[in-house]
Amino acid sequence: MFFSICFIGRLLISCIILSPILFWHSITYLTKDYYCYVKFTQTAGILWLAFGIYGIPLLLLSLLYLRITIFLRRQPNNQLLIVKKRQQRDLVVFRRILITVGFLVILGIPPIVLLIMSQITGEEPALAFRLIWPFISLTMIGSSVSLIIFTSQLKSIILKIIHHNRVMPEPRP
């Protein structure tokens, strides 16, 4: 029940954050690409999208993990073995999350470069949206795969499903 409420809350917050784009009338029909989106040359709309979807969540995530790192570094060295093992597990989790965040940042660089180019020149690159969507897809695929790889319980469930669904030939007599 709690997670259902959290999901609905996230959905509402996302709608509220993205609603100014509708009120600013930033979404236009792109005749070259045959769909509606915010043009790169509309500075307010595209910056709102970039910060709302990519920048602010990444900043909050980075600040959260910076705080965790500071907390772990300030712990005294003469602690019980149980506490040290717990901190080592926390550090492993932190490294895994850092790898995932780094992956997201690296895949976000090409769209940001195209955005900066279009703001400087005042016109959109010819294949801008067709170049950006594969990076968005790779980001989603990569975050899903990293979730599977870094979560041992989920990894074992997926491996069990894969091994269970294999067709094994029967030995011939």
N, C-alpha and C. Protein backbone atom coordinates (compact mmCIF):
# COMPACT_ATOMS: atom_id res chain seq x y z
N MET A 1 0.82 -1.19 0.00
CA MET A 1 0.00 0.00 0.00
C MET A 1 0.87 1.26 0.00
N PHE A 2 1.93 1.23 0.81
CA PHE A 2 2.82 2.38 0.90
C PHE A 2 3.45 2.69 -0.45
N PHE A 3 3.89 1.64 -1.16
CA PHE A 3 4.55 1.85 -2.44
C PHE A 3 3.57 2.34 -3.50
N SER A 4 2.32 1.95 -3.40
CA SER A 4 1.31 2.46 -4.31
C SER A 4 1.11 3.96 -4.11
N ILE A 5 1.09 4.37 -2.86
CA ILE A 5 0.95 5.80 -2.56
C ILE A 5 2.18 6.56 -3.04
N CYS A 6 3.37 5.98 -2.85
CA CYS A 6 4.60 6.62 -3.32
C CYS A 6 4.60 6.76 -4.83
N PHE A 7 4.13 5.74 -5.53
CA PHE A 7 4.07 5.80 -6.99
C PHE A 7 3.13 6.90 -7.45
N ILE A 8 1.96 6.99 -6.83
CA ILE A 8 1.00 8.03 -7.18
C ILE A 8 1.56 9.41 -6.86
N GLY A 9 2.26 9.53 -5.74
CA GLY A 9 2.89 10.79 -5.37
C GLY A 9 3.95 11.21 -6.38
N ARG A 10 4.77 10.26 -6.80
CA ARG A 10 5.79 10.57 -7.81
C ARG A 10 5.15 11.00 -9.12
N LEU A 11 4.08 10.33 -9.50
CA LEU A 11 3.38 10.67 -10.73
C LEU A 11 2.82 12.09 -10.65
N LEU A 12 2.22 12.44 -9.53
CA LEU A 12 1.67 13.79 -9.37
C LEU A 12 2.76 14.85 -9.37
N ILE A 13 3.86 14.58 -8.68
CA ILE A 13 4.97 15.53 -8.66
C ILE A 13 5.55 15.72 -10.05
N SER A 14 5.68 14.65 -10.82
CA SER A 14 6.18 14.75 -12.19
C SER A 14 5.26 15.60 -13.05
N CYS A 15 3.97 15.39 -12.91
CA CYS A 15 3.01 16.19 -13.69
C CYS A 15 3.08 17.66 -13.30
N ILE A 16 3.23 17.94 -12.02
CA ILE A 16 3.32 19.32 -11.56
C ILE A 16 4.60 19.98 -12.06
N ILE A 17 5.71 19.25 -12.01
CA ILE A 17 6.99 19.81 -12.45
C ILE A 17 6.97 20.09 -13.95
N LEU A 18 6.35 19.23 -14.74
CA LEU A 18 6.36 19.40 -16.19
C LEU A 18 5.22 20.28 -16.71
N SER A 19 4.28 20.67 -15.87
CA SER A 19 3.13 21.45 -16.35
C SER A 19 3.46 22.85 -16.85
N PRO A 20 4.49 23.56 -16.35
CA PRO A 20 4.76 24.89 -16.91
C PRO A 20 5.02 24.88 -18.42
N ILE A 21 5.52 23.79 -18.94
CA ILE A 21 5.77 23.71 -20.38
C ILE A 21 4.46 23.83 -21.15
N LEU A 22 3.41 23.25 -20.61
CA LEU A 22 2.10 23.37 -21.26
C LEU A 22 1.58 24.80 -21.19
N PHE A 23 1.77 25.46 -20.05
CA PHE A 23 1.27 26.82 -19.89
C PHE A 23 2.09 27.83 -20.71
N TRP A 24 3.36 27.54 -20.94
CA TRP A 24 4.21 28.42 -21.74
C TRP A 24 4.01 28.18 -23.24
N HIS A 25 3.24 27.18 -23.59
CA HIS A 25 3.02 26.79 -25.00
C HIS A 25 4.35 26.50 -25.70
N SER A 26 5.22 25.78 -25.00
CA SER A 26 6.53 25.44 -25.55
C SER A 26 6.48 24.22 -26.46
N ILE A 27 5.47 23.39 -26.31
CA ILE A 27 5.39 22.18 -27.12
C ILE A 27 4.84 22.54 -28.49
N THR A 28 5.60 22.20 -29.52
CA THR A 28 5.19 22.50 -30.90
C THR A 28 5.31 21.24 -31.75
N TYR A 29 4.63 21.28 -32.89
CA TYR A 29 4.71 20.16 -33.83
C TYR A 29 5.97 20.32 -34.66
N LEU A 30 6.82 19.31 -34.63
CA LEU A 30 8.06 19.33 -35.40
C LEU A 30 7.79 18.69 -36.76
N THR A 31 7.78 19.50 -37.80
CA THR A 31 7.39 19.00 -39.12
C THR A 31 8.42 18.04 -39.70
N LYS A 32 9.67 18.21 -39.38
CA LYS A 32 10.70 17.30 -39.91
C LYS A 32 10.64 15.93 -39.25
N ASP A 33 10.25 15.90 -37.99
CA ASP A 33 10.27 14.64 -37.24
C ASP A 33 8.89 14.03 -37.03
N TYR A 34 7.85 14.76 -37.37
CA TYR A 34 6.47 14.27 -37.32
C TYR A 34 5.98 13.92 -35.91
N TYR A 35 6.34 14.69 -34.92
CA TYR A 35 5.77 14.55 -33.59
C TYR A 35 5.92 15.86 -32.83
N CYS A 36 5.25 15.94 -31.70
CA CYS A 36 5.24 17.16 -30.89
C CYS A 36 6.28 17.05 -29.78
N TYR A 37 7.02 18.12 -29.61
CA TYR A 37 8.03 18.17 -28.56
C TYR A 37 8.44 19.63 -28.39
N VAL A 38 9.28 19.88 -27.41
CA VAL A 38 9.80 21.23 -27.19
C VAL A 38 11.00 21.43 -28.12
N LYS A 39 10.97 22.51 -28.90
CA LYS A 39 12.10 22.80 -29.79
C LYS A 39 13.33 23.16 -28.97
N PHE A 40 14.49 22.83 -29.52
CA PHE A 40 15.73 23.17 -28.84
C PHE A 40 15.95 24.67 -28.78
N THR A 41 15.38 25.40 -29.71
CA THR A 41 15.59 26.85 -29.74
C THR A 41 14.71 27.60 -28.75
N GLN A 42 13.72 26.94 -28.15
CA GLN A 42 12.90 27.56 -27.11
C GLN A 42 13.60 27.37 -25.77
N THR A 43 14.35 28.37 -25.40
CA THR A 43 15.27 28.26 -24.27
C THR A 43 14.57 27.91 -22.95
N ALA A 44 13.50 28.62 -22.63
CA ALA A 44 12.85 28.39 -21.33
C ALA A 44 12.31 26.97 -21.23
N GLY A 45 11.64 26.50 -22.26
CA GLY A 45 11.05 25.17 -22.24
C GLY A 45 12.08 24.06 -22.16
N ILE A 46 13.12 24.17 -22.97
CA ILE A 46 14.12 23.10 -23.02
C ILE A 46 14.97 23.09 -21.75
N LEU A 47 15.25 24.28 -21.18
CA LEU A 47 15.99 24.31 -19.92
C LEU A 47 15.15 23.75 -18.78
N TRP A 48 13.86 24.05 -18.79
CA TRP A 48 12.96 23.49 -17.77
C TRP A 48 12.94 21.97 -17.87
N LEU A 49 12.87 21.46 -19.10
CA LEU A 49 12.90 20.01 -19.30
C LEU A 49 14.22 19.42 -18.84
N ALA A 50 15.32 20.04 -19.25
CA ALA A 50 16.65 19.50 -18.93
C ALA A 50 16.88 19.47 -17.42
N PHE A 51 16.53 20.55 -16.74
CA PHE A 51 16.75 20.57 -15.30
C PHE A 51 15.71 19.74 -14.55
N GLY A 52 14.47 19.77 -15.01
CA GLY A 52 13.42 19.03 -14.32
C GLY A 52 13.54 17.53 -14.45
N ILE A 53 13.94 17.07 -15.62
CA ILE A 53 14.00 15.63 -15.86
C ILE A 53 15.38 15.06 -15.54
N TYR A 54 16.42 15.81 -15.82
CA TYR A 54 17.77 15.27 -15.72
C TYR A 54 18.59 15.93 -14.62
N GLY A 55 18.62 17.24 -14.61
CA GLY A 55 19.52 17.95 -13.72
C GLY A 55 19.18 17.88 -12.25
N ILE A 56 17.95 18.22 -11.90
CA ILE A 56 17.56 18.25 -10.49
C ILE A 56 17.61 16.86 -9.85
N PRO A 57 17.05 15.81 -10.48
CA PRO A 57 17.18 14.48 -9.85
C PRO A 57 18.63 14.03 -9.69
N LEU A 58 19.46 14.32 -10.70
CA LEU A 58 20.87 13.93 -10.61
C LEU A 58 21.58 14.71 -9.52
N LEU A 59 21.26 15.99 -9.38
CA LEU A 59 21.85 16.81 -8.33
C LEU A 59 21.44 16.31 -6.95
N LEU A 60 20.16 16.03 -6.77
CA LEU A 60 19.69 15.52 -5.47
C LEU A 60 20.31 14.18 -5.13
N LEU A 61 20.42 13.31 -6.13
CA LEU A 61 21.04 12.01 -5.92
C LEU A 61 22.51 12.17 -5.55
N SER A 62 23.21 13.05 -6.24
CA SER A 62 24.62 13.28 -5.94
C SER A 62 24.81 13.86 -4.54
N LEU A 63 23.96 14.81 -4.15
CA LEU A 63 24.06 15.38 -2.81
C LEU A 63 23.78 14.34 -1.73
N LEU A 64 22.82 13.48 -1.99
CA LEU A 64 22.50 12.41 -1.04
C LEU A 64 23.69 11.47 -0.85
N TYR A 65 24.32 11.07 -1.93
CA TYR A 65 25.45 10.15 -1.81
C TYR A 65 26.70 10.84 -1.30
N LEU A 66 26.82 12.13 -1.54
CA LEU A 66 27.91 12.88 -0.94
C LEU A 66 27.75 12.90 0.58
N ARG A 67 26.54 13.08 1.02
CA ARG A 67 26.25 13.07 2.46
C ARG A 67 26.55 11.70 3.08
N ILE A 68 26.19 10.63 2.37
CA ILE A 68 26.48 9.28 2.85
C ILE A 68 27.99 9.06 2.93
N THR A 69 28.72 9.53 1.93
CA THR A 69 30.17 9.38 1.92
C THR A 69 30.80 10.13 3.10
N ILE A 70 30.35 11.33 3.34
CA ILE A 70 30.88 12.10 4.47
C ILE A 70 30.59 11.39 5.78
N PHE A 71 29.40 10.83 5.91
CA PHE A 71 29.05 10.09 7.13
C PHE A 71 29.95 8.88 7.31
N LEU A 72 30.19 8.12 6.23
CA LEU A 72 31.04 6.93 6.33
C LEU A 72 32.48 7.28 6.63
N ARG A 73 32.98 8.39 6.11
CA ARG A 73 34.36 8.79 6.35
C ARG A 73 34.58 9.26 7.79
N ARG A 74 33.57 9.82 8.40
CA ARG A 74 33.70 10.34 9.76
C ARG A 74 33.60 9.28 10.84
N GLN A 75 33.31 8.06 10.47
CA GLN A 75 33.19 6.99 11.46
C GLN A 75 34.58 6.66 12.01
N PRO A 76 34.67 6.42 13.30
CA PRO A 76 35.98 6.07 13.89
C PRO A 76 36.45 4.70 13.41
N ASN A 77 37.76 4.52 13.43
CA ASN A 77 38.35 3.27 12.95
C ASN A 77 38.23 2.13 13.95
N ASN A 78 38.11 2.44 15.22
CA ASN A 78 38.06 1.39 16.25
C ASN A 78 36.61 1.03 16.57
N GLN A 79 35.96 0.36 15.64
CA GLN A 79 34.57 -0.04 15.83
C GLN A 79 34.48 -1.55 15.90
N LEU A 80 33.32 -2.01 16.30
CA LEU A 80 33.08 -3.44 16.35
C LEU A 80 33.13 -4.03 14.94
N LEU A 81 33.42 -5.32 14.89
CA LEU A 81 33.51 -6.01 13.61
C LEU A 81 32.18 -5.99 12.86
N ILE A 82 31.08 -6.11 13.58
CA ILE A 82 29.76 -6.10 12.95
C ILE A 82 29.49 -4.75 12.29
N VAL A 83 29.86 -3.68 12.98
CA VAL A 83 29.64 -2.34 12.44
C VAL A 83 30.52 -2.13 11.21
N LYS A 84 31.77 -2.61 11.26
CA LYS A 84 32.66 -2.47 10.11
C LYS A 84 32.14 -3.23 8.90
N LYS A 85 31.62 -4.43 9.13
CA LYS A 85 31.06 -5.20 8.01
C LYS A 85 29.85 -4.49 7.41
N ARG A 86 29.03 -3.91 8.27
CA ARG A 86 27.87 -3.17 7.76
C ARG A 86 28.32 -1.97 6.93
N GLN A 87 29.36 -1.29 7.39
CA GLN A 87 29.87 -0.15 6.64
C GLN A 87 30.48 -0.59 5.31
N GLN A 88 31.14 -1.75 5.30
CA GLN A 88 31.69 -2.26 4.04
C GLN A 88 30.57 -2.57 3.05
N ARG A 89 29.47 -3.14 3.54
CA ARG A 89 28.32 -3.38 2.66
C ARG A 89 27.75 -2.07 2.14
N ASP A 90 27.67 -1.07 3.02
CA ASP A 90 27.19 0.24 2.59
C ASP A 90 28.09 0.84 1.53
N LEU A 91 29.39 0.65 1.70
CA LEU A 91 30.34 1.17 0.73
C LEU A 91 30.21 0.46 -0.62
N VAL A 92 29.98 -0.84 -0.61
CA VAL A 92 29.77 -1.59 -1.85
C VAL A 92 28.51 -1.08 -2.56
N VAL A 93 27.45 -0.87 -1.80
CA VAL A 93 26.21 -0.34 -2.38
C VAL A 93 26.45 1.05 -2.95
N PHE A 94 27.20 1.86 -2.22
CA PHE A 94 27.51 3.20 -2.69
C PHE A 94 28.29 3.16 -4.00
N ARG A 95 29.26 2.28 -4.11
CA ARG A 95 30.03 2.16 -5.35
C ARG A 95 29.14 1.74 -6.51
N ARG A 96 28.23 0.81 -6.26
CA ARG A 96 27.33 0.37 -7.32
C ARG A 96 26.44 1.52 -7.79
N ILE A 97 25.95 2.29 -6.85
CA ILE A 97 25.10 3.42 -7.22
C ILE A 97 25.92 4.48 -7.94
N LEU A 98 27.16 4.68 -7.52
CA LEU A 98 28.03 5.64 -8.19
C LEU A 98 28.29 5.23 -9.63
N ILE A 99 28.46 3.95 -9.88
CA ILE A 99 28.63 3.45 -11.25
C ILE A 99 27.39 3.74 -12.07
N THR A 100 26.22 3.51 -11.50
CA THR A 100 24.96 3.77 -12.21
C THR A 100 24.80 5.26 -12.51
N VAL A 101 25.08 6.11 -11.54
CA VAL A 101 24.97 7.56 -11.76
C VAL A 101 25.98 8.02 -12.80
N GLY A 102 27.20 7.48 -12.75
CA GLY A 102 28.20 7.82 -13.76
C GLY A 102 27.75 7.42 -15.15
N PHE A 103 27.13 6.26 -15.25
CA PHE A 103 26.58 5.79 -16.53
C PHE A 103 25.52 6.77 -17.05
N LEU A 104 24.65 7.22 -16.16
CA LEU A 104 23.61 8.17 -16.56
C LEU A 104 24.21 9.51 -16.99
N VAL A 105 25.24 9.96 -16.29
CA VAL A 105 25.88 11.23 -16.66
C VAL A 105 26.56 11.11 -18.01
N ILE A 106 27.28 10.03 -18.24
CA ILE A 106 27.99 9.85 -19.51
C ILE A 106 27.02 9.80 -20.68
N LEU A 107 25.90 9.10 -20.52
CA LEU A 107 24.93 9.04 -21.61
C LEU A 107 24.13 10.33 -21.76
N GLY A 108 24.19 11.22 -20.78
CA GLY A 108 23.51 12.50 -20.89
C GLY A 108 24.36 13.57 -21.55
N ILE A 109 25.64 13.30 -21.77
CA ILE A 109 26.53 14.31 -22.36
C ILE A 109 26.18 14.64 -23.81
N PRO A 110 25.97 13.68 -24.72
CA PRO A 110 25.65 14.05 -26.11
C PRO A 110 24.39 14.89 -26.26
N PRO A 111 23.28 14.57 -25.58
CA PRO A 111 22.13 15.48 -25.70
C PRO A 111 22.41 16.88 -25.18
N ILE A 112 23.19 16.99 -24.11
CA ILE A 112 23.51 18.31 -23.57
C ILE A 112 24.38 19.08 -24.56
N VAL A 113 25.32 18.40 -25.22
CA VAL A 113 26.16 19.06 -26.22
C VAL A 113 25.30 19.57 -27.37
N LEU A 114 24.36 18.75 -27.85
CA LEU A 114 23.46 19.20 -28.91
C LEU A 114 22.60 20.37 -28.46
N LEU A 115 22.18 20.35 -27.22
CA LEU A 115 21.39 21.45 -26.67
C LEU A 115 22.20 22.74 -26.64
N ILE A 116 23.43 22.65 -26.18
CA ILE A 116 24.30 23.84 -26.13
C ILE A 116 24.59 24.35 -27.53
N MET A 117 24.84 23.43 -28.47
CA MET A 117 25.08 23.84 -29.86
C MET A 117 23.89 24.59 -30.43
N SER A 118 22.69 24.10 -30.18
CA SER A 118 21.51 24.76 -30.74
C SER A 118 21.25 26.10 -30.07
N GLN A 119 21.62 26.24 -28.80
CA GLN A 119 21.45 27.53 -28.14
C GLN A 119 22.45 28.56 -28.65
N ILE A 120 23.66 28.11 -28.98
CA ILE A 120 24.68 29.03 -29.49
C ILE A 120 24.36 29.46 -30.92
N THR A 121 24.03 28.51 -31.78
CA THR A 121 23.79 28.83 -33.18
C THR A 121 22.39 29.38 -33.43
N GLY A 122 21.43 29.09 -32.57
CA GLY A 122 20.07 29.57 -32.75
C GLY A 122 19.23 28.69 -33.65
N GLU A 123 19.76 27.59 -34.11
CA GLU A 123 18.99 26.65 -34.93
C GLU A 123 19.29 25.23 -34.50
N GLU A 124 18.32 24.36 -34.75
CA GLU A 124 18.47 22.97 -34.33
C GLU A 124 19.35 22.21 -35.31
N PRO A 125 20.21 21.33 -34.80
CA PRO A 125 20.92 20.43 -35.71
C PRO A 125 19.92 19.56 -36.47
N ALA A 126 20.27 19.17 -37.68
CA ALA A 126 19.32 18.49 -38.56
C ALA A 126 18.73 17.22 -37.95
N LEU A 127 19.55 16.40 -37.38
CA LEU A 127 19.07 15.12 -36.84
C LEU A 127 19.12 15.10 -35.31
N ALA A 128 18.87 16.23 -34.69
CA ALA A 128 19.03 16.34 -33.24
C ALA A 128 18.18 15.34 -32.48
N PHE A 129 16.89 15.30 -32.79
CA PHE A 129 16.01 14.41 -32.03
C PHE A 129 16.29 12.95 -32.34
N ARG A 130 16.67 12.67 -33.56
CA ARG A 130 16.98 11.28 -33.91
C ARG A 130 18.30 10.83 -33.28
N LEU A 131 19.16 11.77 -32.96
CA LEU A 131 20.40 11.42 -32.26
C LEU A 131 20.19 11.32 -30.75
N ILE A 132 19.23 12.05 -30.23
CA ILE A 132 19.03 12.07 -28.78
C ILE A 132 18.24 10.85 -28.30
N TRP A 133 17.22 10.43 -29.04
CA TRP A 133 16.38 9.32 -28.57
C TRP A 133 17.14 8.02 -28.34
N PRO A 134 18.13 7.66 -29.17
CA PRO A 134 18.90 6.44 -28.83
C PRO A 134 19.63 6.54 -27.49
N PHE A 135 20.13 7.73 -27.16
CA PHE A 135 20.80 7.89 -25.87
C PHE A 135 19.82 7.76 -24.71
N ILE A 136 18.61 8.28 -24.91
CA ILE A 136 17.59 8.12 -23.87
C ILE A 136 17.24 6.64 -23.71
N SER A 137 17.12 5.94 -24.84
CA SER A 137 16.82 4.51 -24.78
C SER A 137 17.95 3.74 -24.11
N LEU A 138 19.19 4.07 -24.47
CA LEU A 138 20.34 3.40 -23.84
C LEU A 138 20.39 3.67 -22.34
N THR A 139 20.02 4.87 -21.94
CA THR A 139 20.00 5.20 -20.52
C THR A 139 18.98 4.34 -19.78
N MET A 140 17.80 4.20 -20.37
CA MET A 140 16.77 3.38 -19.72
C MET A 140 17.16 1.91 -19.69
N ILE A 141 17.71 1.41 -20.79
CA ILE A 141 18.16 0.02 -20.82
C ILE A 141 19.29 -0.20 -19.82
N GLY A 142 20.25 0.72 -19.81
CA GLY A 142 21.39 0.59 -18.91
C GLY A 142 21.00 0.64 -17.45
N SER A 143 20.06 1.52 -17.11
CA SER A 143 19.65 1.58 -15.70
C SER A 143 18.89 0.31 -15.31
N SER A 144 18.12 -0.26 -16.23
CA SER A 144 17.42 -1.51 -15.92
C SER A 144 18.39 -2.67 -15.77
N VAL A 145 19.37 -2.75 -16.66
CA VAL A 145 20.37 -3.82 -16.59
C VAL A 145 21.22 -3.68 -15.33
N SER A 146 21.61 -2.45 -15.00
CA SER A 146 22.41 -2.27 -13.79
C SER A 146 21.60 -2.61 -12.54
N LEU A 147 20.31 -2.35 -12.56
CA LEU A 147 19.46 -2.75 -11.44
C LEU A 147 19.47 -4.26 -11.28
N ILE A 148 19.40 -4.98 -12.39
CA ILE A 148 19.42 -6.44 -12.33
C ILE A 148 20.79 -6.95 -11.87
N ILE A 149 21.85 -6.36 -12.39
CA ILE A 149 23.20 -6.83 -12.05
C ILE A 149 23.54 -6.54 -10.59
N PHE A 150 23.19 -5.36 -10.11
CA PHE A 150 23.60 -4.95 -8.77
C PHE A 150 22.68 -5.43 -7.66
N THR A 151 21.51 -5.92 -7.97
CA THR A 151 20.60 -6.43 -6.95
C THR A 151 20.66 -7.95 -6.98
N SER A 152 21.29 -8.55 -5.98
CA SER A 152 21.54 -9.99 -6.02
C SER A 152 20.25 -10.80 -6.01
N GLN A 153 19.25 -10.37 -5.27
CA GLN A 153 17.99 -11.12 -5.24
C GLN A 153 17.32 -11.09 -6.61
N LEU A 154 17.29 -9.93 -7.23
CA LEU A 154 16.69 -9.80 -8.55
C LEU A 154 17.49 -10.58 -9.59
N LYS A 155 18.81 -10.55 -9.45
CA LYS A 155 19.67 -11.30 -10.37
C LYS A 155 19.41 -12.80 -10.27
N SER A 156 19.25 -13.31 -9.05
CA SER A 156 18.99 -14.74 -8.90
C SER A 156 17.62 -15.12 -9.45
N ILE A 157 16.63 -14.26 -9.29
CA ILE A 157 15.30 -14.53 -9.85
C ILE A 157 15.36 -14.59 -11.37
N ILE A 158 16.05 -13.63 -11.98
CA ILE A 158 16.16 -13.60 -13.45
C ILE A 158 16.92 -14.82 -13.95
N LEU A 159 18.02 -15.18 -13.28
CA LEU A 159 18.78 -16.36 -13.70
C LEU A 159 17.96 -17.63 -13.54
N LYS A 160 17.16 -17.71 -12.49
CA LYS A 160 16.31 -18.88 -12.29
C LYS A 160 15.27 -18.98 -13.41
N ILE A 161 14.70 -17.86 -13.81
CA ILE A 161 13.73 -17.86 -14.91
C ILE A 161 14.39 -18.28 -16.21
N ILE A 162 15.59 -17.77 -16.46
CA ILE A 162 16.30 -18.12 -17.70
C ILE A 162 16.63 -19.60 -17.73
N HIS A 163 17.15 -20.13 -16.62
CA HIS A 163 17.52 -21.54 -16.59
C HIS A 163 16.30 -22.45 -16.59
N HIS A 164 15.21 -22.00 -16.01
CA HIS A 164 14.00 -22.81 -15.96
C HIS A 164 13.35 -22.94 -17.34
N ASN A 165 13.48 -21.91 -18.15
CA ASN A 165 12.82 -21.90 -19.46
C ASN A 165 13.66 -22.53 -20.57
N ARG A 166 14.81 -23.04 -20.25
CA ARG A 166 15.65 -23.67 -21.27
C ARG A 166 15.05 -25.00 -21.70
N VAL A 167 15.16 -25.25 -22.97
CA VAL A 167 14.70 -26.54 -23.50
C VAL A 167 15.89 -27.49 -23.47
N MET A 168 15.75 -28.55 -22.72
CA MET A 168 16.82 -29.53 -22.59
C MET A 168 16.45 -30.76 -23.41
N PRO A 169 17.32 -31.18 -24.29
CA PRO A 169 17.01 -32.38 -25.08
C PRO A 169 17.07 -33.63 -24.20
N GLU A 170 16.18 -34.54 -24.49
CA GLU A 170 16.18 -35.79 -23.74
C GLU A 170 17.28 -36.70 -24.29
N PRO A 171 17.92 -37.42 -23.40
CA PRO A 171 18.96 -38.34 -23.89
C PRO A 171 18.33 -39.48 -24.70
N ARG A 172 19.00 -39.84 -25.75
CA ARG A 172 18.50 -40.93 -26.60
C ARG A 172 18.88 -42.28 -26.00
N PRO A 173 17.97 -43.24 -26.11
CA PRO A 173 18.29 -44.57 -25.55
C PRO A 173 19.26 -45.36 -26.40
